[in-house]
Amino acid sequence: MFFKLEAGDFMFKKVKNDQAFILLESILALSLVSITMILVLPFSLQLLQARQKRQNEIEGYRLLYDYSYEWLGSSDQWVTRSGVDYRVSYHENALQVSLPNQDEIVLEVVEP
């Protein structure tokens, strides 16, 4: 028996194997990126929400400090800071700042 080998036959098989390897590598990379995004994205969103909540709380404490100097008896007013509305309530012996959209968190200073 006699087999005739040509250079083109070997090259075709090599190219075919290389293309399969590239496809496998691409699928693996896409899977890793997808899994990473699925794990990291919710955590990042949770951190951003916690940061925003904390910023609103800090701004509420700033308002509490600012308006403690203007304590004039009983009144209610709405104050907008950084695009967020806060309710400042003056009472006989307490000053309250209500934070928006945070389960009715109220910051309060009570006069001794």
PDB file of N, CA and C in Angstrom:
ATOM      1  N   MET A   1       0.825  -1.166   0.000  1.00  0.00           N
ATOM      2  CA  MET A   1       0.000   0.000   0.000  1.00  0.00           C
ATOM      3  C   MET A   1       0.871   1.231   0.000  1.00  0.00           C
ATOM      4  N   PHE A   2       0.282   2.221  -0.608  1.00  0.00           N
ATOM      5  CA  PHE A   2       1.016   3.457  -0.759  1.00  0.00           C
ATOM      6  C   PHE A   2       0.086   4.614  -0.403  1.00  0.00           C
ATOM      7  N   PHE A   3       0.509   5.450   0.533  1.00  0.00           N
ATOM      8  CA  PHE A   3      -0.284   6.622   0.919  1.00  0.00           C
ATOM      9  C   PHE A   3       0.391   7.871   0.408  1.00  0.00           C
ATOM     10  N   LYS A   4      -0.418   8.711  -0.154  1.00  0.00           N
ATOM     11  CA  LYS A   4       0.114   9.960  -0.672  1.00  0.00           C
ATOM     12  C   LYS A   4      -0.285  11.078   0.294  1.00  0.00           C
ATOM     13  N   LEU A   5       0.669  11.719   0.927  1.00  0.00           N
ATOM     14  CA  LEU A   5       0.411  12.832   1.831  1.00  0.00           C
ATOM     15  C   LEU A   5       0.804  14.121   1.152  1.00  0.00           C
ATOM     16  N   GLU A   6      -0.057  15.061   1.277  1.00  0.00           N
ATOM     17  CA  GLU A   6       0.247  16.382   0.731  1.00  0.00           C
ATOM     18  C   GLU A   6       0.273  17.378   1.882  1.00  0.00           C
ATOM     19  N   ALA A   7       0.958  18.451   1.655  1.00  0.00           N
ATOM     20  CA  ALA A   7       1.090  19.474   2.698  1.00  0.00           C
ATOM     21  C   ALA A   7      -0.258  20.091   3.040  1.00  0.00           C
ATOM     22  N   GLY A   8      -1.137  20.214   2.086  1.00  0.00           N
ATOM     23  CA  GLY A   8      -2.445  20.830   2.300  1.00  0.00           C
ATOM     24  C   GLY A   8      -3.319  20.035   3.241  1.00  0.00           C
ATOM     25  N   ASP A   9      -3.239  18.705   3.232  1.00  0.00           N
ATOM     26  CA  ASP A   9      -4.059  17.878   4.111  1.00  0.00           C
ATOM     27  C   ASP A   9      -3.710  18.126   5.582  1.00  0.00           C
ATOM     28  N   PHE A  10      -2.445  18.163   5.870  1.00  0.00           N
ATOM     29  CA  PHE A  10      -2.007  18.385   7.240  1.00  0.00           C
ATOM     30  C   PHE A  10      -2.376  19.789   7.722  1.00  0.00           C
ATOM     31  N   MET A  11      -2.210  20.773   6.872  1.00  0.00           N
ATOM     32  CA  MET A  11      -2.519  22.157   7.229  1.00  0.00           C
ATOM     33  C   MET A  11      -4.015  22.330   7.493  1.00  0.00           C
ATOM     34  N   PHE A  12      -4.857  21.644   6.716  1.00  0.00           N
ATOM     35  CA  PHE A  12      -6.301  21.764   6.891  1.00  0.00           C
ATOM     36  C   PHE A  12      -6.714  21.219   8.261  1.00  0.00           C
ATOM     37  N   LYS A  13      -6.147  20.086   8.660  1.00  0.00           N
ATOM     38  CA  LYS A  13      -6.467  19.512   9.966  1.00  0.00           C
ATOM     39  C   LYS A  13      -5.982  20.418  11.094  1.00  0.00           C
ATOM     40  N   LYS A  14      -4.828  21.017  10.923  1.00  0.00           N
ATOM     41  CA  LYS A  14      -4.291  21.905  11.944  1.00  0.00           C
ATOM     42  C   LYS A  14      -5.167  23.150  12.091  1.00  0.00           C
ATOM     43  N   VAL A  15      -5.583  23.717  10.972  1.00  0.00           N
ATOM     44  CA  VAL A  15      -6.450  24.896  11.012  1.00  0.00           C
ATOM     45  C   VAL A  15      -7.785  24.545  11.665  1.00  0.00           C
ATOM     46  N   LYS A  16      -8.317  23.381  11.364  1.00  0.00           N
ATOM     47  CA  LYS A  16      -9.582  22.954  11.936  1.00  0.00           C
ATOM     48  C   LYS A  16      -9.460  22.818  13.455  1.00  0.00           C
ATOM     49  N   ASN A  17      -8.373  22.258  13.944  1.00  0.00           N
ATOM     50  CA  ASN A  17      -8.153  22.121  15.382  1.00  0.00           C
ATOM     51  C   ASN A  17      -7.962  23.485  16.047  1.00  0.00           C
ATOM     52  N   ASP A  18      -7.267  24.398  15.389  1.00  0.00           N
ATOM     53  CA  ASP A  18      -7.062  25.739  15.937  1.00  0.00           C
ATOM     54  C   ASP A  18      -8.379  26.486  16.072  1.00  0.00           C
ATOM     55  N   GLN A  19      -9.247  26.344  15.085  1.00  0.00           N
ATOM     56  CA  GLN A  19     -10.541  27.028  15.144  1.00  0.00           C
ATOM     57  C   GLN A  19     -11.396  26.474  16.282  1.00  0.00           C
ATOM     58  N   ALA A  20     -11.338  25.188  16.510  1.00  0.00           N
ATOM     59  CA  ALA A  20     -12.091  24.586  17.610  1.00  0.00           C
ATOM     60  C   ALA A  20     -11.550  25.076  18.953  1.00  0.00           C
ATOM     61  N   PHE A  21     -10.232  25.194  19.057  1.00  0.00           N
ATOM     62  CA  PHE A  21      -9.629  25.681  20.285  1.00  0.00           C
ATOM     63  C   PHE A  21     -10.017  27.135  20.545  1.00  0.00           C
ATOM     64  N   ILE A  22     -10.013  27.958  19.513  1.00  0.00           N
ATOM     65  CA  ILE A  22     -10.396  29.367  19.655  1.00  0.00           C
ATOM     66  C   ILE A  22     -11.858  29.482  20.082  1.00  0.00           C
ATOM     67  N   LEU A  23     -12.722  28.659  19.497  1.00  0.00           N
ATOM     68  CA  LEU A  23     -14.135  28.663  19.865  1.00  0.00           C
ATOM     69  C   LEU A  23     -14.310  28.246  21.326  1.00  0.00           C
ATOM     70  N   LEU A  24     -13.621  27.194  21.735  1.00  0.00           N
ATOM     71  CA  LEU A  24     -13.700  26.732  23.120  1.00  0.00           C
ATOM     72  C   LEU A  24     -13.184  27.798  24.087  1.00  0.00           C
ATOM     73  N   GLU A  25     -12.093  28.431  23.731  1.00  0.00           N
ATOM     74  CA  GLU A  25     -11.525  29.485  24.563  1.00  0.00           C
ATOM     75  C   GLU A  25     -12.482  30.676  24.673  1.00  0.00           C
ATOM     76  N   SER A  26     -13.136  31.034  23.592  1.00  0.00           N
ATOM     77  CA  SER A  26     -14.094  32.146  23.603  1.00  0.00           C
ATOM     78  C   SER A  26     -15.305  31.827  24.470  1.00  0.00           C
ATOM     79  N   ILE A  27     -15.807  30.620  24.375  1.00  0.00           N
ATOM     80  CA  ILE A  27     -16.957  30.217  25.192  1.00  0.00           C
ATOM     81  C   ILE A  27     -16.582  30.219  26.669  1.00  0.00           C
ATOM     82  N   LEU A  28     -15.400  29.743  26.990  1.00  0.00           N
ATOM     83  CA  LEU A  28     -14.937  29.739  28.372  1.00  0.00           C
ATOM     84  C   LEU A  28     -14.791  31.166  28.908  1.00  0.00           C
ATOM     85  N   ALA A  29     -14.215  32.050  28.113  1.00  0.00           N
ATOM     86  CA  ALA A  29     -14.046  33.440  28.540  1.00  0.00           C
ATOM     87  C   ALA A  29     -15.400  34.122  28.740  1.00  0.00           C
ATOM     88  N   LEU A  30     -16.336  33.897  27.839  1.00  0.00           N
ATOM     89  CA  LEU A  30     -17.676  34.472  27.972  1.00  0.00           C
ATOM     90  C   LEU A  30     -18.370  33.945  29.227  1.00  0.00           C
ATOM     91  N   SER A  31     -18.194  32.669  29.511  1.00  0.00           N
ATOM     92  CA  SER A  31     -18.797  32.089  30.717  1.00  0.00           C
ATOM     93  C   SER A  31     -18.215  32.716  31.978  1.00  0.00           C
ATOM     94  N   LEU A  32     -16.901  32.891  32.014  1.00  0.00           N
ATOM     95  CA  LEU A  32     -16.267  33.499  33.183  1.00  0.00           C
ATOM     96  C   LEU A  32     -16.714  34.942  33.379  1.00  0.00           C
ATOM     97  N   VAL A  33     -16.796  35.693  32.298  1.00  0.00           N
ATOM     98  CA  VAL A  33     -17.249  37.086  32.396  1.00  0.00           C
ATOM     99  C   VAL A  33     -18.700  37.139  32.861  1.00  0.00           C
ATOM    100  N   SER A  34     -19.541  36.267  32.341  1.00  0.00           N
ATOM    101  CA  SER A  34     -20.958  36.242  32.731  1.00  0.00           C
ATOM    102  C   SER A  34     -21.123  35.884  34.206  1.00  0.00           C
ATOM    103  N   ILE A  35     -20.410  34.875  34.660  1.00  0.00           N
ATOM    104  CA  ILE A  35     -20.497  34.472  36.066  1.00  0.00           C
ATOM    105  C   ILE A  35     -20.005  35.596  36.973  1.00  0.00           C
ATOM    106  N   THR A  36     -18.921  36.242  36.581  1.00  0.00           N
ATOM    107  CA  THR A  36     -18.398  37.355  37.366  1.00  0.00           C
ATOM    108  C   THR A  36     -19.414  38.485  37.456  1.00  0.00           C
ATOM    109  N   MET A  37     -20.048  38.824  36.352  1.00  0.00           N
ATOM    110  CA  MET A  37     -21.053  39.891  36.352  1.00  0.00           C
ATOM    111  C   MET A  37     -22.258  39.515  37.206  1.00  0.00           C
ATOM    112  N   ILE A  38     -22.673  38.271  37.137  1.00  0.00           N
ATOM    113  CA  ILE A  38     -23.827  37.823  37.927  1.00  0.00           C
ATOM    114  C   ILE A  38     -23.519  37.912  39.421  1.00  0.00           C
ATOM    115  N   LEU A  39     -22.282  37.661  39.806  1.00  0.00           N
ATOM    116  CA  LEU A  39     -21.915  37.716  41.217  1.00  0.00           C
ATOM    117  C   LEU A  39     -21.606  39.134  41.693  1.00  0.00           C
ATOM    118  N   VAL A  40     -20.982  39.941  40.862  1.00  0.00           N
ATOM    119  CA  VAL A  40     -20.514  41.259  41.280  1.00  0.00           C
ATOM    120  C   VAL A  40     -21.593  42.333  41.167  1.00  0.00           C
ATOM    121  N   LEU A  41     -22.431  42.290  40.164  1.00  0.00           N
ATOM    122  CA  LEU A  41     -23.407  43.347  39.920  1.00  0.00           C
ATOM    123  C   LEU A  41     -24.385  43.546  41.080  1.00  0.00           C
ATOM    124  N   PRO A  42     -25.009  42.512  41.624  1.00  0.00           N
ATOM    125  CA  PRO A  42     -25.912  42.749  42.763  1.00  0.00           C
ATOM    126  C   PRO A  42     -25.187  43.325  43.987  1.00  0.00           C
ATOM    127  N   PHE A  43     -23.979  42.873  44.221  1.00  0.00           N
ATOM    128  CA  PHE A  43     -23.201  43.391  45.341  1.00  0.00           C
ATOM    129  C   PHE A  43     -22.891  44.872  45.146  1.00  0.00           C
ATOM    130  N   SER A  44     -22.544  45.255  43.920  1.00  0.00           N
ATOM    131  CA  SER A  44     -22.253  46.656  43.621  1.00  0.00           C
ATOM    132  C   SER A  44     -23.492  47.522  43.795  1.00  0.00           C
ATOM    133  N   LEU A  45     -24.635  47.043  43.337  1.00  0.00           N
ATOM    134  CA  LEU A  45     -25.877  47.799  43.489  1.00  0.00           C
ATOM    135  C   LEU A  45     -26.236  47.969  44.961  1.00  0.00           C
ATOM    136  N   GLN A  46     -26.025  46.936  45.741  1.00  0.00           N
ATOM    137  CA  GLN A  46     -26.302  47.016  47.176  1.00  0.00           C
ATOM    138  C   GLN A  46     -25.388  48.051  47.840  1.00  0.00           C
ATOM    139  N   LEU A  47     -24.122  48.082  47.451  1.00  0.00           N
ATOM    140  CA  LEU A  47     -23.201  49.072  48.007  1.00  0.00           C
ATOM    141  C   LEU A  47     -23.612  50.491  47.629  1.00  0.00           C
ATOM    142  N   LEU A  48     -24.052  50.692  46.384  1.00  0.00           N
ATOM    143  CA  LEU A  48     -24.488  52.018  45.953  1.00  0.00           C
ATOM    144  C   LEU A  48     -25.733  52.472  46.712  1.00  0.00           C
ATOM    145  N   GLN A  49     -26.667  51.566  46.951  1.00  0.00           N
ATOM    146  CA  GLN A  49     -27.870  51.919  47.709  1.00  0.00           C
ATOM    147  C   GLN A  49     -27.521  52.261  49.158  1.00  0.00           C
ATOM    148  N   ALA A  50     -26.629  51.503  49.753  1.00  0.00           N
ATOM    149  CA  ALA A  50     -26.212  51.782  51.130  1.00  0.00           C
ATOM    150  C   ALA A  50     -25.491  53.127  51.209  1.00  0.00           C
ATOM    151  N   ARG A  51     -24.699  53.437  50.197  1.00  0.00           N
ATOM    152  CA  ARG A  51     -23.984  54.716  50.152  1.00  0.00           C
ATOM    153  C   ARG A  51     -24.961  55.881  50.054  1.00  0.00           C
ATOM    154  N   GLN A  52     -25.972  55.749  49.197  1.00  0.00           N
ATOM    155  CA  GLN A  52     -26.972  56.801  49.038  1.00  0.00           C
ATOM    156  C   GLN A  52     -27.767  57.002  50.328  1.00  0.00           C
ATOM    157  N   LYS A  53     -28.114  55.916  50.973  1.00  0.00           N
ATOM    158  CA  LYS A  53     -28.849  55.997  52.241  1.00  0.00           C
ATOM    159  C   LYS A  53     -28.007  56.715  53.289  1.00  0.00           C
ATOM    160  N   ARG A  54     -26.745  56.384  53.351  1.00  0.00           N
ATOM    161  CA  ARG A  54     -25.844  57.013  54.321  1.00  0.00           C
ATOM    162  C   ARG A  54     -25.646  58.495  54.012  1.00  0.00           C
ATOM    163  N   GLN A  55     -25.562  58.852  52.730  1.00  0.00           N
ATOM    164  CA  GLN A  55     -25.429  60.263  52.360  1.00  0.00           C
ATOM    165  C   GLN A  55     -26.655  61.060  52.800  1.00  0.00           C
ATOM    166  N   ASN A  56     -27.844  60.500  52.601  1.00  0.00           N
ATOM    167  CA  ASN A  56     -29.065  61.178  53.040  1.00  0.00           C
ATOM    168  C   ASN A  56     -29.085  61.349  54.556  1.00  0.00           C
ATOM    169  N   GLU A  57     -28.617  60.345  55.268  1.00  0.00           N
ATOM    170  CA  GLU A  57     -28.578  60.421  56.725  1.00  0.00           C
ATOM    171  C   GLU A  57     -27.600  61.496  57.198  1.00  0.00           C
ATOM    172  N   ILE A  58     -26.442  61.567  56.569  1.00  0.00           N
ATOM    173  CA  ILE A  58     -25.454  62.589  56.932  1.00  0.00           C
ATOM    174  C   ILE A  58     -26.002  63.983  56.642  1.00  0.00           C
ATOM    175  N   GLU A  59     -26.676  64.139  55.503  1.00  0.00           N
ATOM    176  CA  GLU A  59     -27.279  65.429  55.169  1.00  0.00           C
ATOM    177  C   GLU A  59     -28.360  65.792  56.184  1.00  0.00           C
ATOM    178  N   GLY A  60     -29.102  64.809  56.667  1.00  0.00           N
ATOM    179  CA  GLY A  60     -30.091  65.050  57.718  1.00  0.00           C
ATOM    180  C   GLY A  60     -29.445  65.546  59.004  1.00  0.00           C
ATOM    181  N   TYR A  61     -28.312  64.961  59.376  1.00  0.00           N
ATOM    182  CA  TYR A  61     -27.597  65.433  60.562  1.00  0.00           C
ATOM    183  C   TYR A  61     -27.081  66.857  60.361  1.00  0.00           C
ATOM    184  N   ARG A  62     -26.658  67.176  59.150  1.00  0.00           N
ATOM    185  CA  ARG A  62     -26.226  68.551  58.864  1.00  0.00           C
ATOM    186  C   ARG A  62     -27.384  69.530  59.025  1.00  0.00           C
ATOM    187  N   LEU A  63     -28.550  69.144  58.514  1.00  0.00           N
ATOM    188  CA  LEU A  63     -29.733  69.996  58.676  1.00  0.00           C
ATOM    189  C   LEU A  63     -30.092  70.156  60.149  1.00  0.00           C
ATOM    190  N   LEU A  64     -30.002  69.078  60.890  1.00  0.00           N
ATOM    191  CA  LEU A  64     -30.297  69.122  62.317  1.00  0.00           C
ATOM    192  C   LEU A  64     -29.368  70.112  63.016  1.00  0.00           C
ATOM    193  N   TYR A  65     -28.112  70.082  62.645  1.00  0.00           N
ATOM    194  CA  TYR A  65     -27.143  71.008  63.232  1.00  0.00           C
ATOM    195  C   TYR A  65     -27.441  72.446  62.815  1.00  0.00           C
ATOM    196  N   ASP A  66     -27.693  72.653  61.511  1.00  0.00           N
ATOM    197  CA  ASP A  66     -27.950  74.007  61.005  1.00  0.00           C
ATOM    198  C   ASP A  66     -29.193  74.626  61.628  1.00  0.00           C
ATOM    199  N   TYR A  67     -30.269  73.866  61.715  1.00  0.00           N
ATOM    200  CA  TYR A  67     -31.532  74.414  62.195  1.00  0.00           C
ATOM    201  C   TYR A  67     -31.640  74.430  63.713  1.00  0.00           C
ATOM    202  N   SER A  68     -30.699  73.828  64.406  1.00  0.00           N
ATOM    203  CA  SER A  68     -30.745  73.892  65.870  1.00  0.00           C
ATOM    204  C   SER A  68     -30.455  75.308  66.360  1.00  0.00           C
ATOM    205  N   TYR A  69     -29.804  76.121  65.534  1.00  0.00           N
ATOM    206  CA  TYR A  69     -29.544  77.510  65.896  1.00  0.00           C
ATOM    207  C   TYR A  69     -30.758  78.400  65.660  1.00  0.00           C
ATOM    208  N   GLU A  70     -31.723  77.943  64.853  1.00  0.00           N
ATOM    209  CA  GLU A  70     -32.892  78.747  64.497  1.00  0.00           C
ATOM    210  C   GLU A  70     -34.164  78.241  65.169  1.00  0.00           C
ATOM    211  N   TRP A  71     -34.052  77.657  66.284  1.00  0.00           N
ATOM    212  CA  TRP A  71     -35.174  77.028  66.971  1.00  0.00           C
ATOM    213  C   TRP A  71     -36.147  78.096  67.445  1.00  0.00           C
ATOM    214  N   LEU A  72     -37.302  78.186  66.800  1.00  0.00           N
ATOM    215  CA  LEU A  72     -38.221  79.298  67.066  1.00  0.00           C
ATOM    216  C   LEU A  72     -39.578  78.860  67.600  1.00  0.00           C
ATOM    217  N   GLY A  73     -39.704  77.735  68.175  1.00  0.00           N
ATOM    218  CA  GLY A  73     -41.006  77.287  68.654  1.00  0.00           C
ATOM    219  C   GLY A  73     -41.543  76.160  67.799  1.00  0.00           C
ATOM    220  N   SER A  74     -42.835  76.179  67.500  1.00  0.00           N
ATOM    221  CA  SER A  74     -43.464  75.093  66.746  1.00  0.00           C
ATOM    222  C   SER A  74     -43.695  75.492  65.291  1.00  0.00           C
ATOM    223  N   SER A  75     -43.174  74.697  64.377  1.00  0.00           N
ATOM    224  CA  SER A  75     -43.438  74.896  62.947  1.00  0.00           C
ATOM    225  C   SER A  75     -42.918  73.686  62.175  1.00  0.00           C
ATOM    226  N   ASP A  76     -43.371  73.576  60.943  1.00  0.00           N
ATOM    227  CA  ASP A  76     -42.908  72.537  60.013  1.00  0.00           C
ATOM    228  C   ASP A  76     -42.467  73.212  58.730  1.00  0.00           C
ATOM    229  N   GLN A  77     -41.410  72.707  58.144  1.00  0.00           N
ATOM    230  CA  GLN A  77     -40.992  73.213  56.838  1.00  0.00           C
ATOM    231  C   GLN A  77     -40.264  72.115  56.076  1.00  0.00           C
ATOM    232  N   TRP A  78     -40.295  72.248  54.756  1.00  0.00           N
ATOM    233  CA  TRP A  78     -39.605  71.309  53.881  1.00  0.00           C
ATOM    234  C   TRP A  78     -38.353  71.979  53.355  1.00  0.00           C
ATOM    235  N   VAL A  79     -37.249  71.262  53.404  1.00  0.00           N
ATOM    236  CA  VAL A  79     -35.967  71.777  52.941  1.00  0.00           C
ATOM    237  C   VAL A  79     -35.440  70.831  51.877  1.00  0.00           C
ATOM    238  N   THR A  80     -34.960  71.391  50.768  1.00  0.00           N
ATOM    239  CA  THR A  80     -34.383  70.577  49.696  1.00  0.00           C
ATOM    240  C   THR A  80     -32.873  70.778  49.680  1.00  0.00           C
ATOM    241  N   ARG A  81     -32.160  69.680  49.810  1.00  0.00           N
ATOM    242  CA  ARG A  81     -30.699  69.707  49.720  1.00  0.00           C
ATOM    243  C   ARG A  81     -30.261  68.595  48.783  1.00  0.00           C
ATOM    244  N   SER A  82     -29.457  68.944  47.808  1.00  0.00           N
ATOM    245  CA  SER A  82     -28.927  67.985  46.826  1.00  0.00           C
ATOM    246  C   SER A  82     -30.049  67.211  46.141  1.00  0.00           C
ATOM    247  N   GLY A  83     -31.165  67.880  45.889  1.00  0.00           N
ATOM    248  CA  GLY A  83     -32.279  67.252  45.190  1.00  0.00           C
ATOM    249  C   GLY A  83     -33.128  66.331  46.046  1.00  0.00           C
ATOM    250  N   VAL A  84     -32.920  66.334  47.354  1.00  0.00           N
ATOM    251  CA  VAL A  84     -33.670  65.473  48.267  1.00  0.00           C
ATOM    252  C   VAL A  84     -34.447  66.363  49.236  1.00  0.00           C
ATOM    253  N   ASP A  85     -35.732  66.040  49.453  1.00  0.00           N
ATOM    254  CA  ASP A  85     -36.581  66.815  50.356  1.00  0.00           C
ATOM    255  C   ASP A  85     -36.532  66.234  51.771  1.00  0.00           C
ATOM    256  N   TYR A  86     -36.303  67.105  52.744  1.00  0.00           N
ATOM    257  CA  TYR A  86     -36.292  66.740  54.156  1.00  0.00           C
ATOM    258  C   TYR A  86     -37.358  67.566  54.873  1.00  0.00           C
ATOM    259  N   ARG A  87     -38.018  66.978  55.848  1.00  0.00           N
ATOM    260  CA  ARG A  87     -38.998  67.719  56.643  1.00  0.00           C
ATOM    261  C   ARG A  87     -38.362  68.089  57.974  1.00  0.00           C
ATOM    262  N   VAL A  88     -38.316  69.387  58.245  1.00  0.00           N
ATOM    263  CA  VAL A  88     -37.772  69.894  59.504  1.00  0.00           C
ATOM    264  C   VAL A  88     -38.949  70.342  60.357  1.00  0.00           C
ATOM    265  N   SER A  89     -39.089  69.749  61.536  1.00  0.00           N
ATOM    266  CA  SER A  89     -40.208  70.054  62.434  1.00  0.00           C
ATOM    267  C   SER A  89     -39.672  70.625  63.740  1.00  0.00           C
ATOM    268  N   TYR A  90     -40.166  71.810  64.077  1.00  0.00           N
ATOM    269  CA  TYR A  90     -39.846  72.431  65.360  1.00  0.00           C
ATOM    270  C   TYR A  90     -41.010  72.177  66.299  1.00  0.00           C
ATOM    271  N   HIS A  91     -40.731  71.752  67.495  1.00  0.00           N
ATOM    272  CA  HIS A  91     -41.748  71.584  68.528  1.00  0.00           C
ATOM    273  C   HIS A  91     -41.290  72.360  69.753  1.00  0.00           C
ATOM    274  N   GLU A  92     -42.084  72.328  70.771  1.00  0.00           N
ATOM    275  CA  GLU A  92     -41.759  73.066  71.997  1.00  0.00           C
ATOM    276  C   GLU A  92     -40.390  72.669  72.553  1.00  0.00           C
ATOM    277  N   ASN A  93     -40.136  71.374  72.593  1.00  0.00           N
ATOM    278  CA  ASN A  93     -38.886  70.925  73.214  1.00  0.00           C
ATOM    279  C   ASN A  93     -38.088  69.962  72.337  1.00  0.00           C
ATOM    280  N   ALA A  94     -38.387  69.902  71.044  1.00  0.00           N
ATOM    281  CA  ALA A  94     -37.659  68.973  70.170  1.00  0.00           C
ATOM    282  C   ALA A  94     -37.564  69.530  68.754  1.00  0.00           C
ATOM    283  N   LEU A  95     -36.485  69.193  68.116  1.00  0.00           N
ATOM    284  CA  LEU A  95     -36.272  69.516  66.703  1.00  0.00           C
ATOM    285  C   LEU A  95     -36.094  68.193  65.981  1.00  0.00           C
ATOM    286  N   GLN A  96     -36.897  67.955  64.935  1.00  0.00           N
ATOM    287  CA  GLN A  96     -36.840  66.685  64.214  1.00  0.00           C
ATOM    288  C   GLN A  96     -36.556  66.936  62.744  1.00  0.00           C
ATOM    289  N   VAL A  97     -35.755  66.060  62.162  1.00  0.00           N
ATOM    290  CA  VAL A  97     -35.518  66.043  60.719  1.00  0.00           C
ATOM    291  C   VAL A  97     -35.908  64.663  60.227  1.00  0.00           C
ATOM    292  N   SER A  98     -36.899  64.608  59.331  1.00  0.00           N
ATOM    293  CA  SER A  98     -37.354  63.329  58.775  1.00  0.00           C
ATOM    294  C   SER A  98     -36.621  63.065  57.474  1.00  0.00           C
ATOM    295  N   LEU A  99     -36.035  61.891  57.373  1.00  0.00           N
ATOM    296  CA  LEU A  99     -35.296  61.512  56.177  1.00  0.00           C
ATOM    297  C   LEU A  99     -36.242  60.888  55.164  1.00  0.00           C
ATOM    298  N   PRO A 100     -36.050  61.160  53.886  1.00  0.00           N
ATOM    299  CA  PRO A 100     -36.947  60.639  52.853  1.00  0.00           C
ATOM    300  C   PRO A 100     -36.683  59.174  52.537  1.00  0.00           C
ATOM    301  N   ASN A 101     -37.743  58.420  52.341  1.00  0.00           N
ATOM    302  CA  ASN A 101     -37.680  57.040  51.843  1.00  0.00           C
ATOM    303  C   ASN A 101     -36.752  56.143  52.649  1.00  0.00           C
ATOM    304  N   GLN A 102     -36.701  56.307  53.929  1.00  0.00           N
ATOM    305  CA  GLN A 102     -35.833  55.455  54.743  1.00  0.00           C
ATOM    306  C   GLN A 102     -36.591  54.916  55.950  1.00  0.00           C
ATOM    307  N   ASP A 103     -37.748  54.369  55.703  1.00  0.00           N
ATOM    308  CA  ASP A 103     -38.543  53.728  56.752  1.00  0.00           C
ATOM    309  C   ASP A 103     -38.790  54.654  57.944  1.00  0.00           C
ATOM    310  N   GLU A 104     -39.121  55.901  57.632  1.00  0.00           N
ATOM    311  CA  GLU A 104     -39.488  56.882  58.659  1.00  0.00           C
ATOM    312  C   GLU A 104     -38.399  57.081  59.714  1.00  0.00           C
ATOM    313  N   ILE A 105     -37.175  57.200  59.280  1.00  0.00           N
ATOM    314  CA  ILE A 105     -36.087  57.512  60.202  1.00  0.00           C
ATOM    315  C   ILE A 105     -36.200  58.988  60.570  1.00  0.00           C
ATOM    316  N   VAL A 106     -36.182  59.266  61.849  1.00  0.00           N
ATOM    317  CA  VAL A 106     -36.296  60.641  62.327  1.00  0.00           C
ATOM    318  C   VAL A 106     -35.090  60.935  63.206  1.00  0.00           C
ATOM    319  N   LEU A 107     -34.400  62.018  62.873  1.00  0.00           N
ATOM    320  CA  LEU A 107     -33.306  62.492  63.706  1.00  0.00           C
ATOM    321  C   LEU A 107     -33.885  63.549  64.631  1.00  0.00           C
ATOM    322  N   GLU A 108     -33.512  63.524  65.895  1.00  0.00           N
ATOM    323  CA  GLU A 108     -34.175  64.404  66.851  1.00  0.00           C
ATOM    324  C   GLU A 108     -33.189  64.947  67.870  1.00  0.00           C
ATOM    325  N   VAL A 109     -33.370  66.210  68.211  1.00  0.00           N
ATOM    326  CA  VAL A 109     -32.637  66.838  69.300  1.00  0.00           C
ATOM    327  C   VAL A 109     -33.673  67.301  70.304  1.00  0.00           C
ATOM    328  N   VAL A 110     -33.499  66.926  71.539  1.00  0.00           N
ATOM    329  CA  VAL A 110     -34.436  67.311  72.592  1.00  0.00           C
ATOM    330  C   VAL A 110     -33.764  68.358  73.467  1.00  0.00           C
ATOM    331  N   GLU A 111     -34.470  69.457  73.674  1.00  0.00           N
ATOM    332  CA  GLU A 111     -33.937  70.534  74.501  1.00  0.00           C
ATOM    333  C   GLU A 111     -34.042  70.138  75.968  1.00  0.00           C
ATOM    334  N   PRO A 112     -32.970  70.296  76.726  1.00  0.00           N
ATOM    335  CA  PRO A 112     -33.016  69.913  78.147  1.00  0.00           C
ATOM    336  C   PRO A 112     -33.890  70.851  78.961  1.00  0.00           C
TER     337      PRO A 112
END
